[in-house]
């Protein structure tokens, strides 16, 4: 299986979402038959802080884009649909977005992790 994984939260000092992504990647190291494309969209440049083993893992490609924030790509996808992902990502079976926004990826099933919905029920606390 070909999997694209958004590792944008690993570009900065890790907080809750960054640690979630980090430990999920630790578990994915055991997925030896699967091909991964790690990607990020952020105003920050540089490579993400990946768990040990990812730098030498076979069947892994890296695509880091800056200064194109995820929110801009998400907005453009409303106008261009799946075409927006073609220059950025190869054809994959699953695209996992790790932090509340996603965009369509041609031919892929989308996994979107939403970490907190408290703002919907208790907007006065946010």
PDB file of N, CA and C in Angstrom:
ATOM      1  N   UNK A   1       0.836  -1.169   0.000  1.00  0.00           N
ATOM      2  CA  UNK A   1       0.000   0.000   0.000  1.00  0.00           C
ATOM      3  C   UNK A   1       0.889   1.243   0.000  1.00  0.00           C
ATOM      4  N   UNK A   2       0.434   2.274  -0.660  1.00  0.00           N
ATOM      5  CA  UNK A   2       1.160   3.544  -0.701  1.00  0.00           C
ATOM      6  C   UNK A   2       0.434   4.546   0.197  1.00  0.00           C
ATOM      7  N   UNK A   3       1.175   5.092   1.143  1.00  0.00           N
ATOM      8  CA  UNK A   3       0.597   5.958   2.166  1.00  0.00           C
ATOM      9  C   UNK A   3       1.338   7.295   2.183  1.00  0.00           C
ATOM     10  N   UNK A   4       0.581   8.392   2.152  1.00  0.00           N
ATOM     11  CA  UNK A   4       1.146   9.731   2.334  1.00  0.00           C
ATOM     12  C   UNK A   4       0.805  10.184   3.745  1.00  0.00           C
ATOM     13  N   UNK A   5       1.780  10.747   4.448  1.00  0.00           N
ATOM     14  CA  UNK A   5       1.605  11.121   5.849  1.00  0.00           C
ATOM     15  C   UNK A   5       2.058  12.557   6.051  1.00  0.00           C
ATOM     16  N   UNK A   6       1.175  13.381   6.589  1.00  0.00           N
ATOM     17  CA  UNK A   6       1.472  14.791   6.855  1.00  0.00           C
ATOM     18  C   UNK A   6       2.269  14.918   8.149  1.00  0.00           C
ATOM     19  N   UNK A   7       3.522  15.294   8.024  1.00  0.00           N
ATOM     20  CA  UNK A   7       4.363  15.434   9.219  1.00  0.00           C
ATOM     21  C   UNK A   7       4.671  16.899   9.523  1.00  0.00           C
ATOM     22  N   UNK A   8       3.801  17.809   9.093  1.00  0.00           N
ATOM     23  CA  UNK A   8       3.992  19.235   9.375  1.00  0.00           C
ATOM     24  C   UNK A   8       4.153  19.542  10.867  1.00  0.00           C
ATOM     25  N   UNK A   9       3.403  18.877  11.779  1.00  0.00           N
ATOM     26  CA  UNK A   9       3.592  19.184  13.211  1.00  0.00           C
ATOM     27  C   UNK A   9       4.984  18.842  13.737  1.00  0.00           C
ATOM     28  N   UNK A  10       5.783  18.122  12.965  1.00  0.00           N
ATOM     29  CA  UNK A  10       7.131  17.773  13.411  1.00  0.00           C
ATOM     30  C   UNK A  10       8.180  18.785  12.963  1.00  0.00           C
ATOM     31  N   UNK A  11       7.748  19.884  12.355  1.00  0.00           N
ATOM     32  CA  UNK A  11       8.683  20.921  11.915  1.00  0.00           C
ATOM     33  C   UNK A  11       9.057  21.888  13.031  1.00  0.00           C
ATOM     34  N   UNK A  12       8.292  21.884  14.083  1.00  0.00           N
ATOM     35  CA  UNK A  12       8.553  22.814  15.191  1.00  0.00           C
ATOM     36  C   UNK A  12       8.689  22.024  16.475  1.00  0.00           C
ATOM     37  N   UNK A  13       8.892  22.721  17.575  1.00  0.00           N
ATOM     38  CA  UNK A  13       8.987  22.031  18.854  1.00  0.00           C
ATOM     39  C   UNK A  13       7.698  21.256  19.081  1.00  0.00           C
ATOM     40  N   UNK A  14       7.829  19.998  19.446  1.00  0.00           N
ATOM     41  CA  UNK A  14       6.669  19.132  19.548  1.00  0.00           C
ATOM     42  C   UNK A  14       5.785  19.487  20.742  1.00  0.00           C
ATOM     43  N   UNK A  15       4.491  19.593  20.441  1.00  0.00           N
ATOM     44  CA  UNK A  15       3.461  19.701  21.472  1.00  0.00           C
ATOM     45  C   UNK A  15       2.629  18.421  21.363  1.00  0.00           C
ATOM     46  N   UNK A  16       1.397  18.438  21.814  1.00  0.00           N
ATOM     47  CA  UNK A  16       0.573  17.233  21.792  1.00  0.00           C
ATOM     48  C   UNK A  16       0.423  16.619  20.416  1.00  0.00           C
ATOM     49  N   UNK A  17       0.105  17.428  19.412  1.00  0.00           N
ATOM     50  CA  UNK A  17      -0.089  16.907  18.058  1.00  0.00           C
ATOM     51  C   UNK A  17       1.240  16.426  17.474  1.00  0.00           C
ATOM     52  N   UNK A  18       2.310  17.147  17.748  1.00  0.00           N
ATOM     53  CA  UNK A  18       3.626  16.723  17.276  1.00  0.00           C
ATOM     54  C   UNK A  18       4.028  15.373  17.856  1.00  0.00           C
ATOM     55  N   UNK A  19       3.784  15.193  19.155  1.00  0.00           N
ATOM     56  CA  UNK A  19       4.113  13.911  19.783  1.00  0.00           C
ATOM     57  C   UNK A  19       3.234  12.792  19.235  1.00  0.00           C
ATOM     58  N   UNK A  20       1.970  13.096  18.959  1.00  0.00           N
ATOM     59  CA  UNK A  20       1.069  12.108  18.350  1.00  0.00           C
ATOM     60  C   UNK A  20       1.652  11.640  17.007  1.00  0.00           C
ATOM     61  N   UNK A  21       2.039  12.587  16.164  1.00  0.00           N
ATOM     62  CA  UNK A  21       2.616  12.248  14.847  1.00  0.00           C
ATOM     63  C   UNK A  21       3.906  11.449  15.005  1.00  0.00           C
ATOM     64  N   UNK A  22       4.742  11.882  15.916  1.00  0.00           N
ATOM     65  CA  UNK A  22       6.023  11.224  16.141  1.00  0.00           C
ATOM     66  C   UNK A  22       5.814   9.753  16.515  1.00  0.00           C
ATOM     67  N   UNK A  23       4.950   9.498  17.480  1.00  0.00           N
ATOM     68  CA  UNK A  23       4.742   8.126  17.953  1.00  0.00           C
ATOM     69  C   UNK A  23       3.966   7.274  16.948  1.00  0.00           C
ATOM     70  N   UNK A  24       3.125   7.901  16.156  1.00  0.00           N
ATOM     71  CA  UNK A  24       2.467   7.161  15.085  1.00  0.00           C
ATOM     72  C   UNK A  24       3.498   6.697  14.057  1.00  0.00           C
ATOM     73  N   UNK A  25       4.451   7.551  13.735  1.00  0.00           N
ATOM     74  CA  UNK A  25       5.523   7.159  12.811  1.00  0.00           C
ATOM     75  C   UNK A  25       6.398   6.052  13.398  1.00  0.00           C
ATOM     76  N   UNK A  26       6.612   6.078  14.701  1.00  0.00           N
ATOM     77  CA  UNK A  26       7.353   4.991  15.345  1.00  0.00           C
ATOM     78  C   UNK A  26       6.641   3.667  15.069  1.00  0.00           C
ATOM     79  N   UNK A  27       5.332   3.644  15.221  1.00  0.00           N
ATOM     80  CA  UNK A  27       4.567   2.426  14.980  1.00  0.00           C
ATOM     81  C   UNK A  27       4.566   2.036  13.500  1.00  0.00           C
ATOM     82  N   UNK A  28       4.557   3.027  12.615  1.00  0.00           N
ATOM     83  CA  UNK A  28       4.538   2.751  11.172  1.00  0.00           C
ATOM     84  C   UNK A  28       5.842   2.134  10.677  1.00  0.00           C
ATOM     85  N   UNK A  29       6.920   2.244  11.440  1.00  0.00           N
ATOM     86  CA  UNK A  29       8.182   1.626  11.018  1.00  0.00           C
ATOM     87  C   UNK A  29       8.028   0.122  10.800  1.00  0.00           C
ATOM     88  N   UNK A  30       7.074  -0.483  11.493  1.00  0.00           N
ATOM     89  CA  UNK A  30       6.841  -1.923  11.350  1.00  0.00           C
ATOM     90  C   UNK A  30       6.056  -2.276  10.085  1.00  0.00           C
ATOM     91  N   UNK A  31       5.537  -1.274   9.381  1.00  0.00           N
ATOM     92  CA  UNK A  31       4.785  -1.511   8.151  1.00  0.00           C
ATOM     93  C   UNK A  31       5.794  -1.674   7.005  1.00  0.00           C
ATOM     94  N   UNK A  32       6.511  -2.776   6.995  1.00  0.00           N
ATOM     95  CA  UNK A  32       7.647  -2.939   6.088  1.00  0.00           C
ATOM     96  C   UNK A  32       7.249  -3.111   4.625  1.00  0.00           C
ATOM     97  N   UNK A  33       6.056  -3.560   4.350  1.00  0.00           N
ATOM     98  CA  UNK A  33       5.647  -3.771   2.967  1.00  0.00           C
ATOM     99  C   UNK A  33       5.057  -2.512   2.327  1.00  0.00           C
ATOM    100  N   UNK A  34       4.774  -1.511   3.131  1.00  0.00           N
ATOM    101  CA  UNK A  34       4.116  -0.306   2.637  1.00  0.00           C
ATOM    102  C   UNK A  34       5.122   0.764   2.232  1.00  0.00           C
ATOM    103  N   UNK A  35       4.729   1.547   1.228  1.00  0.00           N
ATOM    104  CA  UNK A  35       5.538   2.680   0.782  1.00  0.00           C
ATOM    105  C   UNK A  35       4.967   3.947   1.400  1.00  0.00           C
ATOM    106  N   UNK A  36       5.834   4.784   1.939  1.00  0.00           N
ATOM    107  CA  UNK A  36       5.405   6.022   2.574  1.00  0.00           C
ATOM    108  C   UNK A  36       5.965   7.227   1.837  1.00  0.00           C
ATOM    109  N   UNK A  37       5.147   8.258   1.754  1.00  0.00           N
ATOM    110  CA  UNK A  37       5.599   9.580   1.345  1.00  0.00           C
ATOM    111  C   UNK A  37       5.302  10.497   2.514  1.00  0.00           C
ATOM    112  N   UNK A  38       6.331  11.030   3.124  1.00  0.00           N
ATOM    113  CA  UNK A  38       6.160  11.978   4.220  1.00  0.00           C
ATOM    114  C   UNK A  38       6.160  13.371   3.612  1.00  0.00           C
ATOM    115  N   UNK A  39       5.154  14.170   3.976  1.00  0.00           N
ATOM    116  CA  UNK A  39       5.067  15.505   3.380  1.00  0.00           C
ATOM    117  C   UNK A  39       4.707  16.526   4.440  1.00  0.00           C
ATOM    118  N   UNK A  40       4.963  17.782   4.114  1.00  0.00           N
ATOM    119  CA  UNK A  40       4.569  18.872   5.000  1.00  0.00           C
ATOM    120  C   UNK A  40       4.335  20.115   4.170  1.00  0.00           C
ATOM    121  N   UNK A  41       3.440  20.935   4.671  1.00  0.00           N
ATOM    122  CA  UNK A  41       3.188  22.257   4.118  1.00  0.00           C
ATOM    123  C   UNK A  41       3.283  23.218   5.281  1.00  0.00           C
ATOM    124  N   UNK A  42       4.200  24.139   5.205  1.00  0.00           N
ATOM    125  CA  UNK A  42       4.401  25.025   6.338  1.00  0.00           C
ATOM    126  C   UNK A  42       5.192  26.247   5.918  1.00  0.00           C
ATOM    127  N   UNK A  43       5.026  27.318   6.667  1.00  0.00           N
ATOM    128  CA  UNK A  43       5.862  28.498   6.449  1.00  0.00           C
ATOM    129  C   UNK A  43       7.264  28.271   6.991  1.00  0.00           C
ATOM    130  N   UNK A  44       7.415  27.257   7.833  1.00  0.00           N
ATOM    131  CA  UNK A  44       8.738  26.924   8.379  1.00  0.00           C
ATOM    132  C   UNK A  44       9.491  26.073   7.363  1.00  0.00           C
ATOM    133  N   UNK A  45      10.764  26.313   7.252  1.00  0.00           N
ATOM    134  CA  UNK A  45      11.578  25.515   6.351  1.00  0.00           C
ATOM    135  C   UNK A  45      12.312  24.444   7.141  1.00  0.00           C
ATOM    136  N   UNK A  46      12.870  23.512   6.441  1.00  0.00           N
ATOM    137  CA  UNK A  46      13.641  22.468   7.097  1.00  0.00           C
ATOM    138  C   UNK A  46      12.913  21.147   7.105  1.00  0.00           C
ATOM    139  N   UNK A  47      13.632  20.144   7.578  1.00  0.00           N
ATOM    140  CA  UNK A  47      13.063  18.811   7.656  1.00  0.00           C
ATOM    141  C   UNK A  47      12.466  18.580   9.036  1.00  0.00           C
ATOM    142  N   UNK A  48      11.456  17.739   9.098  1.00  0.00           N
ATOM    143  CA  UNK A  48      10.844  17.453  10.397  1.00  0.00           C
ATOM    144  C   UNK A  48      11.727  16.573  11.273  1.00  0.00           C
ATOM    145  N   UNK A  49      11.458  16.608  12.556  1.00  0.00           N
ATOM    146  CA  UNK A  49      12.150  15.770  13.534  1.00  0.00           C
ATOM    147  C   UNK A  49      11.507  14.389  13.500  1.00  0.00           C
ATOM    148  N   UNK A  50      12.077  13.480  12.722  1.00  0.00           N
ATOM    149  CA  UNK A  50      11.519  12.145  12.544  1.00  0.00           C
ATOM    150  C   UNK A  50      12.109  11.169  13.547  1.00  0.00           C
ATOM    151  N   UNK A  51      11.343  10.144  13.895  1.00  0.00           N
ATOM    152  CA  UNK A  51      11.877   9.110  14.798  1.00  0.00           C
ATOM    153  C   UNK A  51      13.070   8.397  14.167  1.00  0.00           C
ATOM    154  N   UNK A  52      13.909   7.850  15.009  1.00  0.00           N
ATOM    155  CA  UNK A  52      15.059   7.093  14.538  1.00  0.00           C
ATOM    156  C   UNK A  52      14.583   5.951  13.639  1.00  0.00           C
ATOM    157  N   UNK A  53      15.250   5.787  12.532  1.00  0.00           N
ATOM    158  CA  UNK A  53      14.890   4.722  11.600  1.00  0.00           C
ATOM    159  C   UNK A  53      14.235   5.225  10.331  1.00  0.00           C
ATOM    160  N   UNK A  54      13.599   6.390  10.383  1.00  0.00           N
ATOM    161  CA  UNK A  54      12.938   6.896   9.183  1.00  0.00           C
ATOM    162  C   UNK A  54      13.924   7.424   8.156  1.00  0.00           C
ATOM    163  N   UNK A  55      15.053   7.921   8.587  1.00  0.00           N
ATOM    164  CA  UNK A  55      16.031   8.456   7.637  1.00  0.00           C
ATOM    165  C   UNK A  55      16.664   7.366   6.784  1.00  0.00           C
ATOM    166  N   UNK A  56      16.629   6.130   7.259  1.00  0.00           N
ATOM    167  CA  UNK A  56      17.235   5.033   6.511  1.00  0.00           C
ATOM    168  C   UNK A  56      16.199   4.016   6.037  1.00  0.00           C
ATOM    169  N   UNK A  57      14.924   4.306   6.258  1.00  0.00           N
ATOM    170  CA  UNK A  57      13.867   3.366   5.896  1.00  0.00           C
ATOM    171  C   UNK A  57      13.741   3.278   4.374  1.00  0.00           C
ATOM    172  N   UNK A  58      13.690   2.063   3.873  1.00  0.00           N
ATOM    173  CA  UNK A  58      13.465   1.855   2.444  1.00  0.00           C
ATOM    174  C   UNK A  58      12.004   2.149   2.122  1.00  0.00           C
ATOM    175  N   UNK A  59      11.718   2.374   0.866  1.00  0.00           N
ATOM    176  CA  UNK A  59      10.352   2.646   0.396  1.00  0.00           C
ATOM    177  C   UNK A  59       9.773   3.899   1.046  1.00  0.00           C
ATOM    178  N   UNK A  60      10.592   4.903   1.246  1.00  0.00           N
ATOM    179  CA  UNK A  60      10.126   6.158   1.826  1.00  0.00           C
ATOM    180  C   UNK A  60      10.640   7.315   0.985  1.00  0.00           C
ATOM    181  N   UNK A  61       9.738   8.234   0.656  1.00  0.00           N
ATOM    182  CA  UNK A  61      10.151   9.461  -0.030  1.00  0.00           C
ATOM    183  C   UNK A  61       9.707  10.644   0.820  1.00  0.00           C
ATOM    184  N   UNK A  62      10.355  11.763   0.613  1.00  0.00           N
ATOM    185  CA  UNK A  62      10.110  12.944   1.415  1.00  0.00           C
ATOM    186  C   UNK A  62       9.781  14.112   0.496  1.00  0.00           C
ATOM    187  N   UNK A  63       8.733  14.841   0.846  1.00  0.00           N
ATOM    188  CA  UNK A  63       8.328  16.016   0.070  1.00  0.00           C
ATOM    189  C   UNK A  63       7.962  17.120   1.055  1.00  0.00           C
ATOM    190  N   UNK A  64       8.858  18.084   1.180  1.00  0.00           N
ATOM    191  CA  UNK A  64       8.640  19.175   2.118  1.00  0.00           C
ATOM    192  C   UNK A  64       8.492  20.456   1.330  1.00  0.00           C
ATOM    193  N   UNK A  65       7.398  21.159   1.566  1.00  0.00           N
ATOM    194  CA  UNK A  65       7.109  22.354   0.807  1.00  0.00           C
ATOM    195  C   UNK A  65       7.023  23.561   1.724  1.00  0.00           C
ATOM    196  N   UNK A  66       7.738  24.588   1.393  1.00  0.00           N
ATOM    197  CA  UNK A  66       7.673  25.851   2.113  1.00  0.00           C
ATOM    198  C   UNK A  66       7.937  26.934   1.078  1.00  0.00           C
ATOM    199  N   UNK A  67       7.388  28.050   1.132  1.00  0.00           N
ATOM    200  CA  UNK A  67       6.511  28.595   2.168  1.00  0.00           C
ATOM    201  C   UNK A  67       5.034  28.501   1.782  1.00  0.00           C
ATOM    202  N   UNK A  68       4.543  27.308   1.574  1.00  0.00           N
ATOM    203  CA  UNK A  68       3.151  27.108   1.202  1.00  0.00           C
ATOM    204  C   UNK A  68       2.407  26.460   2.365  1.00  0.00           C
ATOM    205  N   UNK A  69       1.704  27.254   3.165  1.00  0.00           N
ATOM    206  CA  UNK A  69       1.033  26.681   4.325  1.00  0.00           C
ATOM    207  C   UNK A  69      -0.131  25.791   3.927  1.00  0.00           C
ATOM    208  N   UNK A  70      -0.422  24.858   4.781  1.00  0.00           N
ATOM    209  CA  UNK A  70      -1.507  23.894   4.561  1.00  0.00           C
ATOM    210  C   UNK A  70      -2.830  24.603   4.293  1.00  0.00           C
ATOM    211  N   UNK A  71      -3.100  25.709   4.991  1.00  0.00           N
ATOM    212  CA  UNK A  71      -4.369  26.417   4.819  1.00  0.00           C
ATOM    213  C   UNK A  71      -4.529  26.947   3.397  1.00  0.00           C
ATOM    214  N   UNK A  72      -3.435  27.371   2.775  1.00  0.00           N
ATOM    215  CA  UNK A  72      -3.495  27.860   1.393  1.00  0.00           C
ATOM    216  C   UNK A  72      -3.794  26.710   0.439  1.00  0.00           C
ATOM    217  N   UNK A  73      -3.131  25.569   0.639  1.00  0.00           N
ATOM    218  CA  UNK A  73      -3.383  24.401  -0.204  1.00  0.00           C
ATOM    219  C   UNK A  73      -4.830  23.949  -0.035  1.00  0.00           C
ATOM    220  N   UNK A  74      -5.318  23.959   1.197  1.00  0.00           N
ATOM    221  CA  UNK A  74      -6.700  23.569   1.460  1.00  0.00           C
ATOM    222  C   UNK A  74      -7.679  24.506   0.752  1.00  0.00           C
ATOM    223  N   UNK A  75      -7.417  25.801   0.802  1.00  0.00           N
ATOM    224  CA  UNK A  75      -8.270  26.783   0.124  1.00  0.00           C
ATOM    225  C   UNK A  75      -8.232  26.591  -1.392  1.00  0.00           C
ATOM    226  N   UNK A  76      -7.048  26.402  -1.952  1.00  0.00           N
ATOM    227  CA  UNK A  76      -6.933  26.192  -3.400  1.00  0.00           C
ATOM    228  C   UNK A  76      -7.646  24.929  -3.845  1.00  0.00           C
ATOM    229  N   UNK A  77      -7.692  23.927  -2.974  1.00  0.00           N
ATOM    230  CA  UNK A  77      -8.354  22.675  -3.346  1.00  0.00           C
ATOM    231  C   UNK A  77      -9.852  22.864  -3.526  1.00  0.00           C
ATOM    232  N   UNK A  78     -10.413  23.878  -2.902  1.00  0.00           N
ATOM    233  CA  UNK A  78     -11.845  24.155  -3.091  1.00  0.00           C
ATOM    234  C   UNK A  78     -12.136  24.585  -4.525  1.00  0.00           C
ATOM    235  N   UNK A  79     -11.168  25.212  -5.159  1.00  0.00           N
ATOM    236  CA  UNK A  79     -11.349  25.670  -6.531  1.00  0.00           C
ATOM    237  C   UNK A  79     -10.858  24.657  -7.558  1.00  0.00           C
ATOM    238  N   UNK A  80      -9.788  23.946  -7.228  1.00  0.00           N
ATOM    239  CA  UNK A  80      -9.162  23.054  -8.195  1.00  0.00           C
ATOM    240  C   UNK A  80      -9.353  21.571  -7.885  1.00  0.00           C
ATOM    241  N   UNK A  81      -9.921  21.240  -6.731  1.00  0.00           N
ATOM    242  CA  UNK A  81     -10.178  19.848  -6.370  1.00  0.00           C
ATOM    243  C   UNK A  81      -8.902  19.022  -6.303  1.00  0.00           C
ATOM    244  N   UNK A  82      -8.984  17.802  -6.807  1.00  0.00           N
ATOM    245  CA  UNK A  82      -7.862  16.865  -6.724  1.00  0.00           C
ATOM    246  C   UNK A  82      -6.644  17.324  -7.526  1.00  0.00           C
ATOM    247  N   UNK A  83      -6.840  18.215  -8.469  1.00  0.00           N
ATOM    248  CA  UNK A  83      -5.718  18.688  -9.286  1.00  0.00           C
ATOM    249  C   UNK A  83      -4.657  19.376  -8.439  1.00  0.00           C
ATOM    250  N   UNK A  84      -5.059  19.935  -7.303  1.00  0.00           N
ATOM    251  CA  UNK A  84      -4.105  20.664  -6.458  1.00  0.00           C
ATOM    252  C   UNK A  84      -3.028  19.747  -5.903  1.00  0.00           C
ATOM    253  N   UNK A  85      -3.343  18.484  -5.678  1.00  0.00           N
ATOM    254  CA  UNK A  85      -2.363  17.572  -5.066  1.00  0.00           C
ATOM    255  C   UNK A  85      -1.375  16.998  -6.071  1.00  0.00           C
ATOM    256  N   UNK A  86      -1.695  17.007  -7.350  1.00  0.00           N
ATOM    257  CA  UNK A  86      -0.849  16.337  -8.329  1.00  0.00           C
ATOM    258  C   UNK A  86       0.590  16.852  -8.379  1.00  0.00           C
ATOM    259  N   UNK A  87       0.826  18.160  -8.301  1.00  0.00           N
ATOM    260  CA  UNK A  87       2.234  18.595  -8.307  1.00  0.00           C
ATOM    261  C   UNK A  87       2.976  18.274  -7.007  1.00  0.00           C
ATOM    262  N   UNK A  88       2.243  18.042  -5.925  1.00  0.00           N
ATOM    263  CA  UNK A  88       2.858  17.874  -4.621  1.00  0.00           C
ATOM    264  C   UNK A  88       3.072  16.427  -4.202  1.00  0.00           C
ATOM    265  N   UNK A  89       2.110  15.580  -4.515  1.00  0.00           N
ATOM    266  CA  UNK A  89       2.148  14.211  -4.004  1.00  0.00           C
ATOM    267  C   UNK A  89       2.043  13.201  -5.140  1.00  0.00           C
ATOM    268  N   UNK A  90       2.736  12.088  -5.004  1.00  0.00           N
ATOM    269  CA  UNK A  90       2.586  11.018  -5.992  1.00  0.00           C
ATOM    270  C   UNK A  90       1.228  10.327  -5.788  1.00  0.00           C
ATOM    271  N   UNK A  91       0.904   9.436  -6.661  1.00  0.00           N
ATOM    272  CA  UNK A  91      -0.320   8.659  -6.505  1.00  0.00           C
ATOM    273  C   UNK A  91      -0.175   7.751  -5.289  1.00  0.00           C
ATOM    274  N   UNK A  92      -1.131   7.848  -4.372  1.00  0.00           N
ATOM    275  CA  UNK A  92      -1.105   7.037  -3.149  1.00  0.00           C
ATOM    276  C   UNK A  92      -2.484   6.432  -2.923  1.00  0.00           C
ATOM    277  N   UNK A  93      -2.532   5.415  -2.062  1.00  0.00           N
ATOM    278  CA  UNK A  93      -3.800   4.780  -1.705  1.00  0.00           C
ATOM    279  C   UNK A  93      -4.483   5.496  -0.543  1.00  0.00           C
ATOM    280  N   UNK A  94      -3.678   5.964   0.406  1.00  0.00           N
ATOM    281  CA  UNK A  94      -4.192   6.642   1.599  1.00  0.00           C
ATOM    282  C   UNK A  94      -3.374   7.902   1.845  1.00  0.00           C
ATOM    283  N   UNK A  95      -4.058   8.997   2.157  1.00  0.00           N
ATOM    284  CA  UNK A  95      -3.387  10.232   2.566  1.00  0.00           C
ATOM    285  C   UNK A  95      -3.873  10.569   3.975  1.00  0.00           C
ATOM    286  N   UNK A  96      -2.942  10.580   4.927  1.00  0.00           N
ATOM    287  CA  UNK A  96      -3.278  10.845   6.328  1.00  0.00           C
ATOM    288  C   UNK A  96      -2.863  12.267   6.672  1.00  0.00           C
ATOM    289  N   UNK A  97      -3.858  13.096   6.965  1.00  0.00           N
ATOM    290  CA  UNK A  97      -3.630  14.469   7.397  1.00  0.00           C
ATOM    291  C   UNK A  97      -3.777  14.497   8.910  1.00  0.00           C
ATOM    292  N   UNK A  98      -2.816  15.108   9.584  1.00  0.00           N
ATOM    293  CA  UNK A  98      -2.705  14.942  11.036  1.00  0.00           C
ATOM    294  C   UNK A  98      -3.180  16.120  11.869  1.00  0.00           C
ATOM    295  N   UNK A  99      -3.701  17.171  11.235  1.00  0.00           N
ATOM    296  CA  UNK A  99      -4.031  18.336  12.049  1.00  0.00           C
ATOM    297  C   UNK A  99      -5.170  19.162  11.458  1.00  0.00           C
ATOM    298  N   UNK A 100      -6.368  18.684  11.475  1.00  0.00           N
ATOM    299  CA  UNK A 100      -7.643  19.351  11.243  1.00  0.00           C
ATOM    300  C   UNK A 100      -7.949  19.870   9.840  1.00  0.00           C
ATOM    301  N   UNK A 101      -7.021  19.903   8.915  1.00  0.00           N
ATOM    302  CA  UNK A 101      -7.349  20.287   7.544  1.00  0.00           C
ATOM    303  C   UNK A 101      -6.796  19.251   6.581  1.00  0.00           C
ATOM    304  N   UNK A 102      -7.541  19.053   5.507  1.00  0.00           N
ATOM    305  CA  UNK A 102      -7.127  18.095   4.481  1.00  0.00           C
ATOM    306  C   UNK A 102      -7.510  18.654   3.127  1.00  0.00           C
ATOM    307  N   UNK A 103      -6.944  18.090   2.104  1.00  0.00           N
ATOM    308  CA  UNK A 103      -7.338  18.425   0.750  1.00  0.00           C
ATOM    309  C   UNK A 103      -7.439  17.132  -0.047  1.00  0.00           C
ATOM    310  N   UNK A 104      -8.220  17.142  -1.117  1.00  0.00           N
ATOM    311  CA  UNK A 104      -8.384  15.909  -1.886  1.00  0.00           C
ATOM    312  C   UNK A 104      -7.082  15.497  -2.563  1.00  0.00           C
ATOM    313  N   UNK A 105      -6.833  14.203  -2.575  1.00  0.00           N
ATOM    314  CA  UNK A 105      -5.662  13.635  -3.230  1.00  0.00           C
ATOM    315  C   UNK A 105      -6.186  12.615  -4.230  1.00  0.00           C
ATOM    316  N   UNK A 106      -5.848  12.811  -5.475  1.00  0.00           N
ATOM    317  CA  UNK A 106      -6.405  11.986  -6.546  1.00  0.00           C
ATOM    318  C   UNK A 106      -6.214  10.494  -6.270  1.00  0.00           C
ATOM    319  N   UNK A 107      -7.328   9.764  -6.277  1.00  0.00           N
ATOM    320  CA  UNK A 107      -7.312   8.317  -6.120  1.00  0.00           C
ATOM    321  C   UNK A 107      -7.076   7.804  -4.710  1.00  0.00           C
ATOM    322  N   UNK A 108      -6.979   8.688  -3.739  1.00  0.00           N
ATOM    323  CA  UNK A 108      -6.637   8.260  -2.377  1.00  0.00           C
ATOM    324  C   UNK A 108      -7.832   8.364  -1.440  1.00  0.00           C
ATOM    325  N   UNK A 109      -7.871   7.468  -0.483  1.00  0.00           N
ATOM    326  CA  UNK A 109      -8.777   7.595   0.649  1.00  0.00           C
ATOM    327  C   UNK A 109      -8.123   8.577   1.614  1.00  0.00           C
ATOM    328  N   UNK A 110      -8.927   9.423   2.232  1.00  0.00           N
ATOM    329  CA  UNK A 110      -8.403  10.455   3.123  1.00  0.00           C
ATOM    330  C   UNK A 110      -8.658  10.061   4.579  1.00  0.00           C
ATOM    331  N   UNK A 111      -7.612  10.176   5.394  1.00  0.00           N
ATOM    332  CA  UNK A 111      -7.725  10.023   6.840  1.00  0.00           C
ATOM    333  C   UNK A 111      -7.392  11.392   7.429  1.00  0.00           C
ATOM    334  N   UNK A 112      -8.309  11.931   8.211  1.00  0.00           N
ATOM    335  CA  UNK A 112      -8.099  13.232   8.839  1.00  0.00           C
ATOM    336  C   UNK A 112      -8.232  13.066  10.341  1.00  0.00           C
ATOM    337  N   UNK A 113      -7.191  13.415  11.063  1.00  0.00           N
ATOM    338  CA  UNK A 113      -7.222  13.346  12.521  1.00  0.00           C
ATOM    339  C   UNK A 113      -7.663  14.696  13.067  1.00  0.00           C
ATOM    340  N   UNK A 114      -8.730  14.668  13.847  1.00  0.00           N
ATOM    341  CA  UNK A 114      -9.208  15.859  14.547  1.00  0.00           C
ATOM    342  C   UNK A 114      -8.973  15.585  16.031  1.00  0.00           C
ATOM    343  N   UNK A 115      -8.183  16.414  16.657  1.00  0.00           N
ATOM    344  CA  UNK A 115      -7.746  16.151  18.024  1.00  0.00           C
ATOM    345  C   UNK A 115      -8.670  16.702  19.097  1.00  0.00           C
ATOM    346  N   UNK A 116      -9.437  17.727  18.773  1.00  0.00           N
ATOM    347  CA  UNK A 116     -10.243  18.360  19.811  1.00  0.00           C
ATOM    348  C   UNK A 116     -11.417  19.095  19.174  1.00  0.00           C
ATOM    349  N   UNK A 117     -12.615  18.846  19.662  1.00  0.00           N
ATOM    350  CA  UNK A 117     -13.809  19.530  19.165  1.00  0.00           C
ATOM    351  C   UNK A 117     -14.491  20.346  20.262  1.00  0.00           C
ATOM    352  N   UNK A 118     -13.776  20.645  21.319  1.00  0.00           N
ATOM    353  CA  UNK A 118     -14.358  21.395  22.433  1.00  0.00           C
ATOM    354  C   UNK A 118     -14.900  22.747  21.982  1.00  0.00           C
ATOM    355  N   UNK A 119     -14.290  23.353  21.002  1.00  0.00           N
ATOM    356  CA  UNK A 119     -14.731  24.669  20.535  1.00  0.00           C
ATOM    357  C   UNK A 119     -16.165  24.639  20.001  1.00  0.00           C
ATOM    358  N   UNK A 120     -16.619  23.479  19.557  1.00  0.00           N
ATOM    359  CA  UNK A 120     -17.978  23.382  19.020  1.00  0.00           C
ATOM    360  C   UNK A 120     -19.035  23.360  20.143  1.00  0.00           C
ATOM    361  N   UNK A 121     -18.714  22.660  21.204  1.00  0.00           N
ATOM    362  CA  UNK A 121     -19.688  22.537  22.300  1.00  0.00           C
ATOM    363  C   UNK A 121     -19.529  23.664  23.322  1.00  0.00           C
ATOM    364  N   UNK A 122     -18.291  24.109  23.543  1.00  0.00           N
ATOM    365  CA  UNK A 122     -17.999  25.133  24.545  1.00  0.00           C
ATOM    366  C   UNK A 122     -17.208  26.288  23.924  1.00  0.00           C
ATOM    367  N   UNK A 123     -17.793  27.018  22.978  1.00  0.00           N
ATOM    368  CA  UNK A 123     -17.037  28.073  22.291  1.00  0.00           C
ATOM    369  C   UNK A 123     -16.555  29.187  23.235  1.00  0.00           C
ATOM    370  N   UNK A 124     -17.234  29.372  24.341  1.00  0.00           N
ATOM    371  CA  UNK A 124     -16.840  30.418  25.283  1.00  0.00           C
ATOM    372  C   UNK A 124     -15.518  30.102  25.974  1.00  0.00           C
ATOM    373  N   UNK A 125     -15.072  28.855  25.924  1.00  0.00           N
ATOM    374  CA  UNK A 125     -13.820  28.484  26.598  1.00  0.00           C
ATOM    375  C   UNK A 125     -12.610  28.616  25.684  1.00  0.00           C
ATOM    376  N   UNK A 126     -12.824  28.879  24.440  1.00  0.00           N
ATOM    377  CA  UNK A 126     -11.706  28.952  23.486  1.00  0.00           C
ATOM    378  C   UNK A 126     -11.385  30.397  23.170  1.00  0.00           C
TER     379      UNK A 126
END
